[in-house]
Amino acid sequence: MSSRTTWLVVLSAALIILIQAGGCSSKRKPLVPLTLTDAGISREAVALTEQGARAYQEKQFGEAKKYFAEAMAAAPGSGQAHYNYALALNALGEAAAARHHFLEAANLAPGDKVIWDSPALAPYGDPDTRKQMKGRPYGTERPTFGGMSR
């Protein structure tokens, strides 16, 4: 091979490696507990959320779960409180309970883009998709030619 051809092959290989590395480098945002921003939230709920957030950041998920549960009890209508509790449950591996609270958070905070776009909520998807019929989308009868009876 000539030096020009060798140079082109090396350059092409380097370009392919850069493209693949660029596609793989999109990291998910870290999951961070939210502050309670709803109107009418008690100071107690805000303080419990702050304590839970500190425990969560220190990876003390059991403690975080306890604080977030108390904050959720103090502010049961807060989507952020349910979201934070779900984060702690998810970190502890309690997936079924976490799913329930992630969906509850989304229902309580329909306009909260952070909750709806959260990578923590993404695996649970749209709860209505489970209700759709699986298998044959058009019924259980075999198709006929021209709509004629068999």
N, C-alpha and C. Protein backbone atom coordinates (compact mmCIF):
# COMPACT_ATOMS: atom_id res chain seq x y z
N MET A 1 0.83 -1.18 0.00
CA MET A 1 0.00 0.00 0.00
C MET A 1 0.87 1.24 0.00
N SER A 2 0.33 2.24 -0.61
CA SER A 2 1.08 3.50 -0.62
C SER A 2 0.87 4.21 0.71
N SER A 3 1.69 5.17 0.99
CA SER A 3 1.59 5.88 2.26
C SER A 3 0.29 6.69 2.33
N ARG A 4 -0.19 7.12 1.18
CA ARG A 4 -1.45 7.88 1.16
C ARG A 4 -2.63 6.96 1.51
N THR A 5 -2.65 5.77 0.98
CA THR A 5 -3.72 4.82 1.26
C THR A 5 -3.68 4.41 2.73
N THR A 6 -2.51 4.17 3.25
CA THR A 6 -2.35 3.80 4.66
C THR A 6 -2.86 4.94 5.55
N TRP A 7 -2.51 6.15 5.17
CA TRP A 7 -2.94 7.31 5.95
C TRP A 7 -4.47 7.42 5.94
N LEU A 8 -5.13 7.18 4.82
CA LEU A 8 -6.59 7.24 4.71
C LEU A 8 -7.26 6.14 5.55
N VAL A 9 -6.68 4.95 5.55
CA VAL A 9 -7.23 3.86 6.36
C VAL A 9 -7.14 4.21 7.84
N VAL A 10 -6.02 4.73 8.29
CA VAL A 10 -5.85 5.11 9.69
C VAL A 10 -6.81 6.24 10.05
N LEU A 11 -6.94 7.21 9.20
CA LEU A 11 -7.84 8.33 9.44
C LEU A 11 -9.30 7.85 9.50
N SER A 12 -9.68 6.95 8.63
CA SER A 12 -11.04 6.39 8.63
C SER A 12 -11.31 5.61 9.91
N ALA A 13 -10.35 4.82 10.34
CA ALA A 13 -10.51 4.05 11.58
C ALA A 13 -10.64 4.99 12.77
N ALA A 14 -9.84 6.04 12.80
CA ALA A 14 -9.91 7.01 13.90
C ALA A 14 -11.26 7.71 13.91
N LEU A 15 -11.78 8.03 12.74
CA LEU A 15 -13.08 8.68 12.64
C LEU A 15 -14.20 7.77 13.14
N ILE A 16 -14.14 6.50 12.78
CA ILE A 16 -15.15 5.54 13.23
C ILE A 16 -15.10 5.40 14.76
N ILE A 17 -13.91 5.35 15.33
CA ILE A 17 -13.77 5.24 16.79
C ILE A 17 -14.34 6.48 17.47
N LEU A 18 -14.08 7.66 16.92
CA LEU A 18 -14.61 8.89 17.51
C LEU A 18 -16.12 8.93 17.44
N ILE A 19 -16.70 8.49 16.35
CA ILE A 19 -18.15 8.49 16.21
C ILE A 19 -18.78 7.54 17.22
N GLN A 20 -18.21 6.35 17.36
CA GLN A 20 -18.75 5.38 18.32
C GLN A 20 -18.58 5.87 19.74
N ALA A 21 -17.47 6.47 20.05
CA ALA A 21 -17.24 6.97 21.41
C ALA A 21 -18.19 8.12 21.72
N GLY A 22 -18.48 8.96 20.74
CA GLY A 22 -19.41 10.06 20.94
C GLY A 22 -20.82 9.57 21.23
N GLY A 23 -21.24 8.50 20.58
CA GLY A 23 -22.56 7.94 20.81
C GLY A 23 -22.70 7.29 22.17
N CYS A 24 -21.62 6.76 22.69
CA CYS A 24 -21.66 6.07 23.98
C CYS A 24 -21.43 7.01 25.15
N SER A 25 -21.01 8.24 24.88
CA SER A 25 -20.64 9.12 25.98
C SER A 25 -21.82 9.87 26.57
N SER A 26 -23.01 9.68 26.04
CA SER A 26 -24.16 10.39 26.59
C SER A 26 -24.58 9.71 27.89
N LYS A 27 -24.13 10.26 28.99
CA LYS A 27 -24.44 9.70 30.30
C LYS A 27 -25.77 10.23 30.78
N ARG A 28 -26.46 9.41 31.54
CA ARG A 28 -27.70 9.86 32.15
C ARG A 28 -27.39 10.83 33.28
N LYS A 29 -28.31 11.73 33.48
CA LYS A 29 -28.15 12.66 34.60
C LYS A 29 -28.28 11.88 35.90
N PRO A 30 -27.52 12.25 36.91
CA PRO A 30 -27.66 11.56 38.18
C PRO A 30 -29.03 11.84 38.79
N LEU A 31 -29.56 10.87 39.48
CA LEU A 31 -30.85 11.02 40.12
C LEU A 31 -30.67 11.84 41.39
N VAL A 32 -31.38 12.95 41.46
CA VAL A 32 -31.25 13.87 42.58
C VAL A 32 -32.63 14.12 43.18
N PRO A 33 -32.76 14.04 44.49
CA PRO A 33 -34.04 14.35 45.12
C PRO A 33 -34.44 15.80 44.84
N LEU A 34 -35.74 16.02 44.76
CA LEU A 34 -36.28 17.34 44.46
C LEU A 34 -36.66 18.07 45.74
N THR A 35 -36.60 19.39 45.69
CA THR A 35 -37.10 20.18 46.81
C THR A 35 -38.61 20.32 46.67
N LEU A 36 -39.28 20.47 47.80
CA LEU A 36 -40.73 20.61 47.77
C LEU A 36 -41.07 22.07 47.44
N THR A 37 -41.74 22.26 46.31
CA THR A 37 -42.02 23.62 45.84
C THR A 37 -43.50 23.94 45.82
N ASP A 38 -44.35 22.98 46.11
CA ASP A 38 -45.79 23.23 46.06
C ASP A 38 -46.19 24.26 47.12
N ALA A 39 -47.22 25.01 46.82
CA ALA A 39 -47.72 25.99 47.78
C ALA A 39 -48.38 25.26 48.95
N GLY A 40 -48.21 25.81 50.12
CA GLY A 40 -48.86 25.24 51.29
C GLY A 40 -48.13 24.06 51.91
N ILE A 41 -46.89 23.82 51.53
CA ILE A 41 -46.11 22.73 52.12
C ILE A 41 -45.59 23.19 53.48
N SER A 42 -45.72 22.33 54.47
CA SER A 42 -45.27 22.69 55.83
C SER A 42 -43.75 22.74 55.91
N ARG A 43 -43.29 23.51 56.87
CA ARG A 43 -41.84 23.60 57.10
C ARG A 43 -41.28 22.25 57.52
N GLU A 44 -42.09 21.49 58.24
CA GLU A 44 -41.67 20.17 58.68
C GLU A 44 -41.36 19.28 57.47
N ALA A 45 -42.24 19.31 56.47
CA ALA A 45 -42.04 18.50 55.27
C ALA A 45 -40.79 18.92 54.51
N VAL A 46 -40.56 20.23 54.45
CA VAL A 46 -39.36 20.74 53.77
C VAL A 46 -38.10 20.31 54.52
N ALA A 47 -38.12 20.41 55.85
CA ALA A 47 -36.95 20.01 56.65
C ALA A 47 -36.69 18.51 56.52
N LEU A 48 -37.74 17.70 56.54
CA LEU A 48 -37.57 16.25 56.38
C LEU A 48 -37.01 15.91 55.00
N THR A 49 -37.47 16.64 53.99
CA THR A 49 -36.96 16.42 52.64
C THR A 49 -35.48 16.77 52.55
N GLU A 50 -35.08 17.86 53.19
CA GLU A 50 -33.66 18.23 53.18
C GLU A 50 -32.80 17.17 53.87
N GLN A 51 -33.29 16.64 54.99
CA GLN A 51 -32.55 15.58 55.68
C GLN A 51 -32.47 14.32 54.82
N GLY A 52 -33.58 13.99 54.18
CA GLY A 52 -33.59 12.83 53.29
C GLY A 52 -32.66 13.01 52.11
N ALA A 53 -32.61 14.22 51.56
CA ALA A 53 -31.73 14.49 50.42
C ALA A 53 -30.26 14.33 50.82
N ARG A 54 -29.93 14.80 52.03
CA ARG A 54 -28.54 14.63 52.50
C ARG A 54 -28.20 13.15 52.65
N ALA A 55 -29.12 12.39 53.24
CA ALA A 55 -28.88 10.95 53.41
C ALA A 55 -28.77 10.27 52.05
N TYR A 56 -29.62 10.66 51.11
CA TYR A 56 -29.59 10.07 49.77
C TYR A 56 -28.25 10.35 49.08
N GLN A 57 -27.78 11.59 49.17
CA GLN A 57 -26.50 11.96 48.56
C GLN A 57 -25.33 11.21 49.19
N GLU A 58 -25.46 10.86 50.46
CA GLU A 58 -24.43 10.10 51.16
C GLU A 58 -24.62 8.59 50.99
N LYS A 59 -25.58 8.21 50.13
CA LYS A 59 -25.87 6.81 49.81
C LYS A 59 -26.37 6.02 51.02
N GLN A 60 -27.00 6.70 51.95
CA GLN A 60 -27.64 6.06 53.08
C GLN A 60 -29.14 5.97 52.75
N PHE A 61 -29.46 5.03 51.86
CA PHE A 61 -30.79 4.97 51.27
C PHE A 61 -31.87 4.56 52.27
N GLY A 62 -31.53 3.76 53.26
CA GLY A 62 -32.50 3.40 54.28
C GLY A 62 -32.94 4.62 55.09
N GLU A 63 -31.96 5.45 55.47
CA GLU A 63 -32.27 6.69 56.19
C GLU A 63 -33.06 7.64 55.29
N ALA A 64 -32.65 7.73 54.04
CA ALA A 64 -33.35 8.61 53.10
C ALA A 64 -34.81 8.18 52.95
N LYS A 65 -35.02 6.88 52.86
CA LYS A 65 -36.38 6.35 52.74
C LYS A 65 -37.22 6.78 53.93
N LYS A 66 -36.65 6.69 55.13
CA LYS A 66 -37.37 7.05 56.35
C LYS A 66 -37.77 8.53 56.33
N TYR A 67 -36.81 9.40 56.01
CA TYR A 67 -37.10 10.84 55.97
C TYR A 67 -38.10 11.18 54.87
N PHE A 68 -37.93 10.58 53.71
CA PHE A 68 -38.84 10.87 52.61
C PHE A 68 -40.25 10.35 52.89
N ALA A 69 -40.36 9.23 53.60
CA ALA A 69 -41.68 8.71 53.98
C ALA A 69 -42.37 9.68 54.94
N GLU A 70 -41.62 10.23 55.87
CA GLU A 70 -42.19 11.20 56.81
C GLU A 70 -42.58 12.48 56.09
N ALA A 71 -41.76 12.91 55.13
CA ALA A 71 -42.08 14.11 54.35
C ALA A 71 -43.32 13.88 53.50
N MET A 72 -43.45 12.69 52.95
CA MET A 72 -44.61 12.35 52.13
C MET A 72 -45.88 12.31 53.00
N ALA A 73 -45.75 11.82 54.23
CA ALA A 73 -46.89 11.81 55.14
C ALA A 73 -47.30 13.23 55.52
N ALA A 74 -46.32 14.13 55.64
CA ALA A 74 -46.61 15.53 55.98
C ALA A 74 -47.16 16.30 54.78
N ALA A 75 -46.84 15.85 53.57
CA ALA A 75 -47.31 16.52 52.35
C ALA A 75 -47.77 15.47 51.34
N PRO A 76 -48.90 14.79 51.62
CA PRO A 76 -49.33 13.68 50.77
C PRO A 76 -49.72 14.07 49.34
N GLY A 77 -50.02 15.33 49.11
CA GLY A 77 -50.40 15.78 47.78
C GLY A 77 -49.24 16.31 46.96
N SER A 78 -48.03 16.15 47.43
CA SER A 78 -46.86 16.67 46.74
C SER A 78 -46.25 15.61 45.81
N GLY A 79 -46.18 15.93 44.55
CA GLY A 79 -45.54 15.03 43.60
C GLY A 79 -44.06 14.86 43.88
N GLN A 80 -43.41 15.95 44.31
CA GLN A 80 -41.99 15.88 44.62
C GLN A 80 -41.72 14.94 45.80
N ALA A 81 -42.61 14.95 46.79
CA ALA A 81 -42.42 14.07 47.95
C ALA A 81 -42.53 12.60 47.54
N HIS A 82 -43.49 12.28 46.69
CA HIS A 82 -43.63 10.91 46.21
C HIS A 82 -42.44 10.52 45.34
N TYR A 83 -41.96 11.45 44.54
CA TYR A 83 -40.81 11.19 43.67
C TYR A 83 -39.57 10.87 44.51
N ASN A 84 -39.33 11.68 45.53
CA ASN A 84 -38.16 11.46 46.39
C ASN A 84 -38.24 10.10 47.09
N TYR A 85 -39.43 9.78 47.59
CA TYR A 85 -39.62 8.49 48.25
C TYR A 85 -39.37 7.35 47.26
N ALA A 86 -39.84 7.52 46.03
CA ALA A 86 -39.63 6.50 44.99
C ALA A 86 -38.15 6.35 44.66
N LEU A 87 -37.40 7.45 44.67
CA LEU A 87 -35.96 7.37 44.41
C LEU A 87 -35.28 6.48 45.47
N ALA A 88 -35.65 6.69 46.72
CA ALA A 88 -35.05 5.89 47.80
C ALA A 88 -35.46 4.43 47.67
N LEU A 89 -36.73 4.17 47.37
CA LEU A 89 -37.19 2.80 47.19
C LEU A 89 -36.44 2.13 46.03
N ASN A 90 -36.29 2.87 44.95
CA ASN A 90 -35.59 2.35 43.77
C ASN A 90 -34.14 2.01 44.10
N ALA A 91 -33.49 2.88 44.87
CA ALA A 91 -32.10 2.64 45.26
C ALA A 91 -31.97 1.41 46.15
N LEU A 92 -33.03 1.10 46.92
CA LEU A 92 -33.01 -0.07 47.80
C LEU A 92 -33.46 -1.33 47.09
N GLY A 93 -33.85 -1.22 45.82
CA GLY A 93 -34.25 -2.39 45.04
C GLY A 93 -35.71 -2.76 45.20
N GLU A 94 -36.51 -1.89 45.78
CA GLU A 94 -37.94 -2.15 45.95
C GLU A 94 -38.69 -1.60 44.74
N ALA A 95 -38.56 -2.31 43.61
CA ALA A 95 -39.03 -1.81 42.32
C ALA A 95 -40.54 -1.62 42.25
N ALA A 96 -41.32 -2.56 42.79
CA ALA A 96 -42.78 -2.46 42.68
C ALA A 96 -43.31 -1.24 43.44
N ALA A 97 -42.82 -1.04 44.64
CA ALA A 97 -43.24 0.13 45.42
C ALA A 97 -42.74 1.41 44.77
N ALA A 98 -41.52 1.39 44.23
CA ALA A 98 -40.97 2.57 43.57
C ALA A 98 -41.81 2.93 42.36
N ARG A 99 -42.22 1.95 41.59
CA ARG A 99 -43.06 2.20 40.40
C ARG A 99 -44.35 2.90 40.80
N HIS A 100 -44.98 2.41 41.86
CA HIS A 100 -46.24 3.01 42.33
C HIS A 100 -46.03 4.49 42.66
N HIS A 101 -44.97 4.81 43.37
CA HIS A 101 -44.75 6.19 43.80
C HIS A 101 -44.23 7.08 42.66
N PHE A 102 -43.47 6.52 41.72
CA PHE A 102 -43.08 7.31 40.55
C PHE A 102 -44.32 7.72 39.76
N LEU A 103 -45.24 6.78 39.56
CA LEU A 103 -46.46 7.08 38.82
C LEU A 103 -47.35 8.05 39.60
N GLU A 104 -47.40 7.89 40.90
CA GLU A 104 -48.18 8.81 41.74
C GLU A 104 -47.59 10.22 41.66
N ALA A 105 -46.26 10.32 41.66
CA ALA A 105 -45.60 11.62 41.53
C ALA A 105 -45.97 12.27 40.19
N ALA A 106 -45.95 11.48 39.14
CA ALA A 106 -46.30 12.02 37.81
C ALA A 106 -47.76 12.47 37.77
N ASN A 107 -48.64 11.73 38.43
CA ASN A 107 -50.05 12.12 38.47
C ASN A 107 -50.29 13.38 39.30
N LEU A 108 -49.56 13.52 40.40
CA LEU A 108 -49.73 14.68 41.27
C LEU A 108 -49.07 15.94 40.71
N ALA A 109 -48.08 15.77 39.84
CA ALA A 109 -47.36 16.92 39.28
C ALA A 109 -47.36 16.83 37.76
N PRO A 110 -48.53 17.01 37.13
CA PRO A 110 -48.62 16.81 35.68
C PRO A 110 -47.77 17.77 34.86
N GLY A 111 -47.43 18.93 35.38
CA GLY A 111 -46.63 19.87 34.60
C GLY A 111 -45.16 19.89 34.98
N ASP A 112 -44.75 19.03 35.90
CA ASP A 112 -43.36 19.04 36.39
C ASP A 112 -42.48 18.28 35.41
N LYS A 113 -41.73 19.02 34.61
CA LYS A 113 -40.89 18.44 33.57
C LYS A 113 -39.78 17.58 34.16
N VAL A 114 -39.27 17.93 35.33
CA VAL A 114 -38.20 17.15 35.95
C VAL A 114 -38.69 15.75 36.28
N ILE A 115 -39.89 15.66 36.84
CA ILE A 115 -40.44 14.35 37.19
C ILE A 115 -40.75 13.55 35.93
N TRP A 116 -41.42 14.17 34.97
CA TRP A 116 -41.84 13.44 33.77
C TRP A 116 -40.67 13.03 32.89
N ASP A 117 -39.60 13.81 32.87
CA ASP A 117 -38.44 13.48 32.03
C ASP A 117 -37.37 12.72 32.79
N SER A 118 -37.62 12.37 34.01
CA SER A 118 -36.62 11.71 34.84
C SER A 118 -36.25 10.34 34.29
N PRO A 119 -34.96 10.03 34.27
CA PRO A 119 -34.58 8.69 33.84
C PRO A 119 -35.07 7.61 34.82
N ALA A 120 -35.41 8.00 36.03
CA ALA A 120 -35.93 7.03 36.98
C ALA A 120 -37.35 6.61 36.61
N LEU A 121 -38.12 7.51 36.02
CA LEU A 121 -39.50 7.20 35.64
C LEU A 121 -39.56 6.51 34.28
N ALA A 122 -38.56 6.71 33.44
CA ALA A 122 -38.58 6.17 32.07
C ALA A 122 -38.81 4.66 31.99
N PRO A 123 -38.21 3.83 32.83
CA PRO A 123 -38.44 2.39 32.69
C PRO A 123 -39.89 1.96 32.92
N TYR A 124 -40.66 2.81 33.59
CA TYR A 124 -42.02 2.43 33.92
C TYR A 124 -43.00 2.81 32.83
N GLY A 125 -42.60 3.69 31.94
CA GLY A 125 -43.40 4.02 30.77
C GLY A 125 -44.80 4.48 31.07
N ASP A 126 -45.63 4.39 30.05
CA ASP A 126 -47.01 4.80 30.12
C ASP A 126 -47.82 3.67 30.73
N PRO A 127 -48.51 3.91 31.85
CA PRO A 127 -49.26 2.82 32.49
C PRO A 127 -50.39 2.28 31.62
N ASP A 128 -50.86 3.06 30.66
CA ASP A 128 -51.95 2.61 29.79
C ASP A 128 -51.48 1.61 28.74
N THR A 129 -50.18 1.53 28.46
CA THR A 129 -49.72 0.61 27.43
C THR A 129 -49.88 -0.83 27.86
N ARG A 130 -49.93 -1.11 29.14
CA ARG A 130 -50.13 -2.48 29.61
C ARG A 130 -51.55 -2.96 29.30
N LYS A 131 -52.47 -2.03 29.16
CA LYS A 131 -53.86 -2.38 28.92
C LYS A 131 -54.13 -2.72 27.46
N GLN A 132 -53.21 -2.33 26.57
CA GLN A 132 -53.42 -2.60 25.16
C GLN A 132 -53.33 -4.09 24.90
N MET A 133 -54.07 -4.50 23.88
CA MET A 133 -54.11 -5.91 23.54
C MET A 133 -52.80 -6.35 22.92
N LYS A 134 -52.29 -7.46 23.39
CA LYS A 134 -51.06 -8.00 22.83
C LYS A 134 -51.41 -9.15 21.90
N GLY A 135 -50.49 -9.50 21.06
CA GLY A 135 -50.75 -10.59 20.13
C GLY A 135 -51.31 -10.06 18.83
N ARG A 136 -52.44 -10.56 18.44
CA ARG A 136 -53.05 -10.15 17.18
C ARG A 136 -53.79 -8.82 17.36
N PRO A 137 -53.36 -7.79 16.66
CA PRO A 137 -53.97 -6.49 16.88
C PRO A 137 -55.36 -6.34 16.27
N TYR A 138 -55.76 -7.24 15.38
CA TYR A 138 -57.03 -7.06 14.69
C TYR A 138 -58.05 -8.12 15.04
N GLY A 139 -57.86 -8.84 16.08
CA GLY A 139 -58.82 -9.85 16.49
C GLY A 139 -58.23 -11.24 16.41
N THR A 140 -59.08 -12.24 16.64
CA THR A 140 -58.58 -13.61 16.70
C THR A 140 -59.01 -14.45 15.50
N GLU A 141 -59.81 -13.88 14.59
CA GLU A 141 -60.24 -14.66 13.44
C GLU A 141 -59.19 -14.62 12.34
N ARG A 142 -59.16 -15.70 11.58
CA ARG A 142 -58.24 -15.75 10.44
C ARG A 142 -58.77 -14.84 9.34
N PRO A 143 -57.87 -14.20 8.62
CA PRO A 143 -58.32 -13.33 7.54
C PRO A 143 -58.92 -14.14 6.37
N THR A 144 -59.83 -13.52 5.70
CA THR A 144 -60.43 -14.15 4.52
C THR A 144 -60.14 -13.32 3.30
N PHE A 145 -60.29 -13.92 2.15
CA PHE A 145 -60.03 -13.22 0.90
C PHE A 145 -61.22 -12.34 0.54
N GLY A 146 -61.02 -11.05 0.44
CA GLY A 146 -62.07 -10.13 0.02
C GLY A 146 -63.20 -9.98 1.02
N GLY A 147 -63.00 -10.39 2.26
CA GLY A 147 -64.03 -10.23 3.27
C GLY A 147 -65.14 -11.27 3.12
N MET A 148 -64.92 -12.27 2.31
CA MET A 148 -65.94 -13.30 2.10
C MET A 148 -65.95 -14.29 3.25
N SER A 149 -67.07 -14.90 3.50
CA SER A 149 -67.14 -15.91 4.56
C SER A 149 -66.47 -17.18 4.10
N ARG A 150 -66.06 -18.01 5.02
CA ARG A 150 -65.37 -19.24 4.68
C ARG A 150 -66.30 -20.35 4.45
